[in-house]
Amino acid sequence: MSGGGSETSVGGEAAAGSGDKKRDSLGAAGSPAHLIIKDLGEIHSRLLDHRPVVQGETRYFVKEFEEKRGLREMRVLENLRNMIHETNEHTLPKCRETMQDNLNQVLQRLQAATDSVCRLQEREQERKKIYNDHLLANEKQRIIQWEDFLKEQHNKQAEMDEEHRKAMERLKEQYAEMEKDLAKFSTF
């Protein structure tokens, strides 16, 4: 298997080398019980104890990952450094120059637009002033015409009243004469 590492068995082998008390309690070193325990320990370590293999594989994976990762990170850092250098040396000055040129043009256009708007506002204010003066003059003229109309109506009313009064006097005189004439005829 890859990665390797020393295999240490759990169970019988460790117990066999660890002391005499355990050997005495299980029996002699070559006894069948001891051999069974030893075989069980080997079977257990080969079938169920994968720590040495997993540790070896883990070490191999970590080593490979760190090497590849280190190279990849170095490439990424180198690319970033190159990109930053390119940006600082070329891109930013070009952007700054373009921005300043365009900004000057924009400021000139903005100033021209502001001047145009100011002229338009002045014209509009002058037009409104002329219009308001014209309205005011028309209003004064209408007031004068109204007052003249009212005076004329008052004069006409006075004339009509005078004519009516004269007509009433003539009618009264006419009816008075008619009554006299009727009085003459009623005596017959």
C-alpha atoms as a PDB file:
ATOM      1  CA  MET A   1       0.000   0.000   0.000  1.00  0.00           C
ATOM      2  CA  SER A   2       1.105   3.606  -0.547  1.00  0.00           C
ATOM      3  CA  GLY A   3       2.344   5.773   2.255  1.00  0.00           C
ATOM      4  CA  GLY A   4       3.560   2.857   4.267  1.00  0.00           C
ATOM      5  CA  GLY A   5       4.488   3.200   7.877  1.00  0.00           C
ATOM      6  CA  SER A   6       5.258   0.645  10.540  1.00  0.00           C
ATOM      7  CA  GLU A   7       2.424  -1.597  11.498  1.00  0.00           C
ATOM      8  CA  THR A   8       1.935  -2.161  15.160  1.00  0.00           C
ATOM      9  CA  SER A   9      -0.486  -4.846  15.977  1.00  0.00           C
ATOM     10  CA  VAL A  10      -2.988  -4.521  18.691  1.00  0.00           C
ATOM     11  CA  GLY A  11      -3.718  -7.399  20.917  1.00  0.00           C
ATOM     12  CA  GLY A  12      -1.540 -10.501  21.134  1.00  0.00           C
ATOM     13  CA  GLU A  13       1.786  -9.214  19.829  1.00  0.00           C
ATOM     14  CA  ALA A  14       1.815  -6.228  22.096  1.00  0.00           C
ATOM     15  CA  ALA A  15       0.675  -8.365  24.968  1.00  0.00           C
ATOM     16  CA  ALA A  16       3.291 -10.978  24.296  1.00  0.00           C
ATOM     17  CA  GLY A  17       6.151  -8.535  24.421  1.00  0.00           C
ATOM     18  CA  SER A  18       4.838  -6.416  27.241  1.00  0.00           C
ATOM     19  CA  GLY A  19       5.315  -8.568  30.258  1.00  0.00           C
ATOM     20  CA  ASP A  20       5.554 -11.951  31.911  1.00  0.00           C
ATOM     21  CA  LYS A  21       2.472 -11.676  34.060  1.00  0.00           C
ATOM     22  CA  LYS A  22       0.140 -11.796  31.087  1.00  0.00           C
ATOM     23  CA  ARG A  23       2.038 -14.690  29.583  1.00  0.00           C
ATOM     24  CA  ASP A  24       1.809 -16.585  32.817  1.00  0.00           C
ATOM     25  CA  SER A  25      -1.899 -16.052  33.182  1.00  0.00           C
ATOM     26  CA  LEU A  26      -2.636 -17.185  29.607  1.00  0.00           C
ATOM     27  CA  GLY A  27      -0.343 -20.064  29.655  1.00  0.00           C
ATOM     28  CA  ALA A  28       2.952 -20.872  28.009  1.00  0.00           C
ATOM     29  CA  ALA A  29       4.155 -18.875  25.012  1.00  0.00           C
ATOM     30  CA  GLY A  30       3.534 -21.753  22.669  1.00  0.00           C
ATOM     31  CA  SER A  31       0.208 -22.814  24.133  1.00  0.00           C
ATOM     32  CA  PRO A  32      -2.789 -23.083  21.845  1.00  0.00           C
ATOM     33  CA  ALA A  33      -4.676 -20.355  23.725  1.00  0.00           C
ATOM     34  CA  HIS A  34      -1.786 -18.014  23.233  1.00  0.00           C
ATOM     35  CA  LEU A  35      -1.571 -18.846  19.537  1.00  0.00           C
ATOM     36  CA  ILE A  36      -5.298 -18.255  19.101  1.00  0.00           C
ATOM     37  CA  ILE A  37      -5.072 -14.887  20.820  1.00  0.00           C
ATOM     38  CA  LYS A  38      -2.079 -13.979  18.713  1.00  0.00           C
ATOM     39  CA  ASP A  39      -3.883 -15.014  15.527  1.00  0.00           C
ATOM     40  CA  LEU A  40      -6.988 -13.107  16.592  1.00  0.00           C
ATOM     41  CA  GLY A  41      -4.853 -10.012  17.207  1.00  0.00           C
ATOM     42  CA  GLU A  42      -3.283 -10.294  13.760  1.00  0.00           C
ATOM     43  CA  ILE A  43      -6.671 -10.823  12.102  1.00  0.00           C
ATOM     44  CA  HIS A  44      -8.086  -7.888  14.037  1.00  0.00           C
ATOM     45  CA  SER A  45      -5.209  -5.609  13.106  1.00  0.00           C
ATOM     46  CA  ARG A  46      -5.356  -6.587   9.417  1.00  0.00           C
ATOM     47  CA  LEU A  47      -9.137  -6.500   9.005  1.00  0.00           C
ATOM     48  CA  LEU A  48     -10.311  -3.890  11.442  1.00  0.00           C
ATOM     49  CA  ASP A  49      -7.377  -1.675  12.398  1.00  0.00           C
ATOM     50  CA  HIS A  50      -6.708   0.603   9.408  1.00  0.00           C
ATOM     51  CA  ARG A  51      -4.978   3.329  11.381  1.00  0.00           C
ATOM     52  CA  PRO A  52      -1.465   2.710  10.037  1.00  0.00           C
ATOM     53  CA  VAL A  53      -2.725   2.644   6.446  1.00  0.00           C
ATOM     54  CA  VAL A  54      -5.000   5.639   6.934  1.00  0.00           C
ATOM     55  CA  GLN A  55      -2.231   7.563   8.664  1.00  0.00           C
ATOM     56  CA  GLY A  56       0.170   6.820   5.833  1.00  0.00           C
ATOM     57  CA  GLU A  57      -2.371   7.801   3.189  1.00  0.00           C
ATOM     58  CA  THR A  58      -3.215  10.935   5.140  1.00  0.00           C
ATOM     59  CA  ARG A  59       0.434  11.929   5.363  1.00  0.00           C
ATOM     60  CA  TYR A  60       0.872  11.286   1.632  1.00  0.00           C
ATOM     61  CA  PHE A  61      -2.265  13.289   0.765  1.00  0.00           C
ATOM     62  CA  VAL A  62      -1.260  16.199   2.993  1.00  0.00           C
ATOM     63  CA  LYS A  63       2.232  16.225   1.517  1.00  0.00           C
ATOM     64  CA  GLU A  64       0.920  16.149  -2.083  1.00  0.00           C
ATOM     65  CA  PHE A  65      -1.808  18.711  -1.309  1.00  0.00           C
ATOM     66  CA  GLU A  66       0.623  21.113   0.344  1.00  0.00           C
ATOM     67  CA  GLU A  67       3.071  20.821  -2.551  1.00  0.00           C
ATOM     68  CA  LYS A  68       0.384  21.354  -5.199  1.00  0.00           C
ATOM     69  CA  ARG A  69      -1.354  23.970  -3.135  1.00  0.00           C
ATOM     70  CA  GLY A  70       1.878  25.748  -2.452  1.00  0.00           C
ATOM     71  CA  LEU A  71       2.704  25.857  -6.147  1.00  0.00           C
ATOM     72  CA  ARG A  72      -0.823  26.928  -7.024  1.00  0.00           C
ATOM     73  CA  GLU A  73      -0.789  29.650  -4.378  1.00  0.00           C
ATOM     74  CA  MET A  74       2.597  30.785  -5.590  1.00  0.00           C
ATOM     75  CA  ARG A  75       1.230  31.024  -9.138  1.00  0.00           C
ATOM     76  CA  VAL A  76      -1.841  32.886  -7.896  1.00  0.00           C
ATOM     77  CA  LEU A  77       0.288  35.295  -5.865  1.00  0.00           C
ATOM     78  CA  GLU A  78       2.630  35.828  -8.825  1.00  0.00           C
ATOM     79  CA  ASN A  79      -0.343  36.499 -11.099  1.00  0.00           C
ATOM     80  CA  LEU A  80      -1.771  38.936  -8.559  1.00  0.00           C
ATOM     81  CA  ARG A  81       1.571  40.700  -8.258  1.00  0.00           C
ATOM     82  CA  ASN A  82       1.825  40.986 -12.047  1.00  0.00           C
ATOM     83  CA  MET A  83      -1.750  42.215 -12.288  1.00  0.00           C
ATOM     84  CA  ILE A  84      -1.171  44.835  -9.584  1.00  0.00           C
ATOM     85  CA  HIS A  85       2.037  45.964 -11.258  1.00  0.00           C
ATOM     86  CA  GLU A  86       0.271  46.196 -14.651  1.00  0.00           C
ATOM     87  CA  THR A  87      -2.602  48.105 -13.075  1.00  0.00           C
ATOM     88  CA  ASN A  88      -0.333  50.551 -11.254  1.00  0.00           C
ATOM     89  CA  GLU A  89       2.038  51.098 -14.160  1.00  0.00           C
ATOM     90  CA  HIS A  90      -0.288  51.156 -17.160  1.00  0.00           C
ATOM     91  CA  THR A  91      -4.009  50.942 -16.474  1.00  0.00           C
ATOM     92  CA  LEU A  92      -4.326  53.558 -13.726  1.00  0.00           C
ATOM     93  CA  PRO A  93      -2.344  56.271 -15.582  1.00  0.00           C
ATOM     94  CA  LYS A  94      -4.390  55.641 -18.752  1.00  0.00           C
ATOM     95  CA  CYS A  95      -7.629  55.767 -16.792  1.00  0.00           C
ATOM     96  CA  ARG A  96      -6.530  58.928 -14.976  1.00  0.00           C
ATOM     97  CA  GLU A  97      -5.551  60.618 -18.246  1.00  0.00           C
ATOM     98  CA  THR A  98      -8.773  59.585 -19.982  1.00  0.00           C
ATOM     99  CA  MET A  99     -10.829  60.660 -17.002  1.00  0.00           C
ATOM    100  CA  GLN A 100      -9.153  64.091 -16.875  1.00  0.00           C
ATOM    101  CA  ASP A 101      -9.672  64.632 -20.618  1.00  0.00           C
ATOM    102  CA  ASN A 102     -13.287  63.567 -20.462  1.00  0.00           C
ATOM    103  CA  LEU A 103     -13.881  65.457 -17.246  1.00  0.00           C
ATOM    104  CA  ASN A 104     -12.639  68.692 -18.835  1.00  0.00           C
ATOM    105  CA  GLN A 105     -14.971  68.136 -21.791  1.00  0.00           C
ATOM    106  CA  VAL A 106     -17.862  67.396 -19.467  1.00  0.00           C
ATOM    107  CA  LEU A 107     -17.136  70.515 -17.413  1.00  0.00           C
ATOM    108  CA  GLN A 108     -17.052  72.657 -20.577  1.00  0.00           C
ATOM    109  CA  ARG A 109     -20.351  71.185 -21.770  1.00  0.00           C
ATOM    110  CA  LEU A 110     -21.858  71.637 -18.336  1.00  0.00           C
ATOM    111  CA  GLN A 111     -20.767  75.297 -18.268  1.00  0.00           C
ATOM    112  CA  ALA A 112     -22.233  75.848 -21.755  1.00  0.00           C
ATOM    113  CA  ALA A 113     -25.490  74.189 -20.699  1.00  0.00           C
ATOM    114  CA  THR A 114     -25.616  76.314 -17.532  1.00  0.00           C
ATOM    115  CA  ASP A 115     -25.091  79.495 -19.571  1.00  0.00           C
ATOM    116  CA  SER A 116     -27.839  78.459 -22.000  1.00  0.00           C
ATOM    117  CA  VAL A 117     -30.226  77.740 -19.147  1.00  0.00           C
ATOM    118  CA  CYS A 118     -29.456  81.124 -17.560  1.00  0.00           C
ATOM    119  CA  ARG A 119     -30.153  82.912 -20.864  1.00  0.00           C
ATOM    120  CA  LEU A 120     -33.397  80.977 -21.276  1.00  0.00           C
ATOM    121  CA  GLN A 121     -34.452  81.875 -17.740  1.00  0.00           C
ATOM    122  CA  GLU A 122     -33.703  85.565 -18.357  1.00  0.00           C
ATOM    123  CA  ARG A 123     -35.707  85.492 -21.602  1.00  0.00           C
ATOM    124  CA  GLU A 124     -38.579  83.755 -19.870  1.00  0.00           C
ATOM    125  CA  GLN A 125     -38.539  86.321 -17.046  1.00  0.00           C
ATOM    126  CA  GLU A 126     -38.502  89.175 -19.559  1.00  0.00           C
ATOM    127  CA  ARG A 127     -41.368  87.576 -21.491  1.00  0.00           C
ATOM    128  CA  LYS A 128     -43.379  87.115 -18.286  1.00  0.00           C
ATOM    129  CA  LYS A 129     -42.678  90.722 -17.265  1.00  0.00           C
ATOM    130  CA  ILE A 130     -43.852  92.013 -20.670  1.00  0.00           C
ATOM    131  CA  TYR A 131     -46.908  89.760 -20.519  1.00  0.00           C
ATOM    132  CA  ASN A 132     -47.730  90.899 -16.955  1.00  0.00           C
ATOM    133  CA  ASP A 133     -47.233  94.566 -17.928  1.00  0.00           C
ATOM    134  CA  HIS A 134     -49.522  94.037 -20.920  1.00  0.00           C
ATOM    135  CA  LEU A 135     -52.139  92.379 -18.701  1.00  0.00           C
ATOM    136  CA  LEU A 136     -51.872  95.188 -16.178  1.00  0.00           C
ATOM    137  CA  ALA A 137     -52.272  97.815 -18.916  1.00  0.00           C
ATOM    138  CA  ASN A 138     -55.274  95.939 -20.342  1.00  0.00           C
ATOM    139  CA  GLU A 139     -56.785  95.690 -16.889  1.00  0.00           C
ATOM    140  CA  LYS A 140     -56.383  99.444 -16.320  1.00  0.00           C
ATOM    141  CA  GLN A 141     -57.894 100.118 -19.746  1.00  0.00           C
ATOM    142  CA  ARG A 142     -60.847  97.836 -18.965  1.00  0.00           C
ATOM    143  CA  ILE A 143     -61.374  99.610 -15.630  1.00  0.00           C
ATOM    144  CA  ILE A 144     -61.409 102.993 -17.397  1.00  0.00           C
ATOM    145  CA  GLN A 145     -63.796 101.635 -20.041  1.00  0.00           C
ATOM    146  CA  TRP A 146     -66.040 100.235 -17.311  1.00  0.00           C
ATOM    147  CA  GLU A 147     -66.105 103.514 -15.458  1.00  0.00           C
ATOM    148  CA  ASP A 148     -66.904 105.343 -18.736  1.00  0.00           C
ATOM    149  CA  PHE A 149     -69.629 102.801 -19.438  1.00  0.00           C
ATOM    150  CA  LEU A 150     -71.130 103.301 -15.978  1.00  0.00           C
ATOM    151  CA  LYS A 151     -71.057 107.111 -16.422  1.00  0.00           C
ATOM    152  CA  GLU A 152     -72.667 106.784 -19.837  1.00  0.00           C
ATOM    153  CA  GLN A 153     -75.338 104.475 -18.434  1.00  0.00           C
ATOM    154  CA  HIS A 154     -75.966 106.910 -15.602  1.00  0.00           C
ATOM    155  CA  ASN A 155     -76.304 109.796 -18.112  1.00  0.00           C
ATOM    156  CA  LYS A 156     -78.625 107.729 -20.322  1.00  0.00           C
ATOM    157  CA  GLN A 157     -80.671 106.802 -17.285  1.00  0.00           C
ATOM    158  CA  ALA A 158     -80.928 110.462 -16.349  1.00  0.00           C
ATOM    159  CA  GLU A 159     -82.006 111.325 -19.914  1.00  0.00           C
ATOM    160  CA  MET A 160     -84.548 108.494 -19.949  1.00  0.00           C
ATOM    161  CA  ASP A 161     -85.867 109.572 -16.571  1.00  0.00           C
ATOM    162  CA  GLU A 162     -86.189 113.139 -17.880  1.00  0.00           C
ATOM    163  CA  GLU A 163     -87.956 111.938 -21.047  1.00  0.00           C
ATOM    164  CA  HIS A 164     -90.242 109.760 -18.984  1.00  0.00           C
ATOM    165  CA  ARG A 165     -91.061 112.610 -16.650  1.00  0.00           C
ATOM    166  CA  LYS A 166     -91.836 114.888 -19.632  1.00  0.00           C
ATOM    167  CA  ALA A 167     -93.922 112.162 -21.268  1.00  0.00           C
ATOM    168  CA  MET A 168     -95.842 111.710 -18.019  1.00  0.00           C
ATOM    169  CA  GLU A 169     -96.502 115.428 -17.797  1.00  0.00           C
ATOM    170  CA  ARG A 170     -97.750 115.475 -21.401  1.00  0.00           C
ATOM    171  CA  LEU A 171     -99.958 112.506 -20.740  1.00  0.00           C
ATOM    172  CA  LYS A 172    -101.300 114.154 -17.596  1.00  0.00           C
ATOM    173  CA  GLU A 173    -102.041 117.300 -19.551  1.00  0.00           C
ATOM    174  CA  GLN A 174    -103.628 115.248 -22.332  1.00  0.00           C
ATOM    175  CA  TYR A 175    -105.776 113.297 -19.864  1.00  0.00           C
ATOM    176  CA  ALA A 176    -106.671 116.518 -18.094  1.00  0.00           C
ATOM    177  CA  GLU A 177    -107.862 118.007 -21.430  1.00  0.00           C
ATOM    178  CA  MET A 178    -109.705 114.811 -22.245  1.00  0.00           C
ATOM    179  CA  GLU A 179    -111.458 114.984 -18.918  1.00  0.00           C
ATOM    180  CA  LYS A 180    -112.497 118.554 -19.606  1.00  0.00           C
ATOM    181  CA  ASP A 181    -113.797 117.541 -22.976  1.00  0.00           C
ATOM    182  CA  LEU A 182    -115.640 114.634 -21.437  1.00  0.00           C
ATOM    183  CA  ALA A 183    -117.068 116.878 -18.828  1.00  0.00           C
ATOM    184  CA  LYS A 184    -118.445 119.065 -21.571  1.00  0.00           C
ATOM    185  CA  PHE A 185    -120.153 116.169 -23.268  1.00  0.00           C
ATOM    186  CA  SER A 186    -121.544 114.682 -20.106  1.00  0.00           C
ATOM    187  CA  THR A 187    -123.610 117.772 -19.412  1.00  0.00           C
ATOM    188  CA  PHE A 188    -125.654 117.482 -22.513  1.00  0.00           C
END
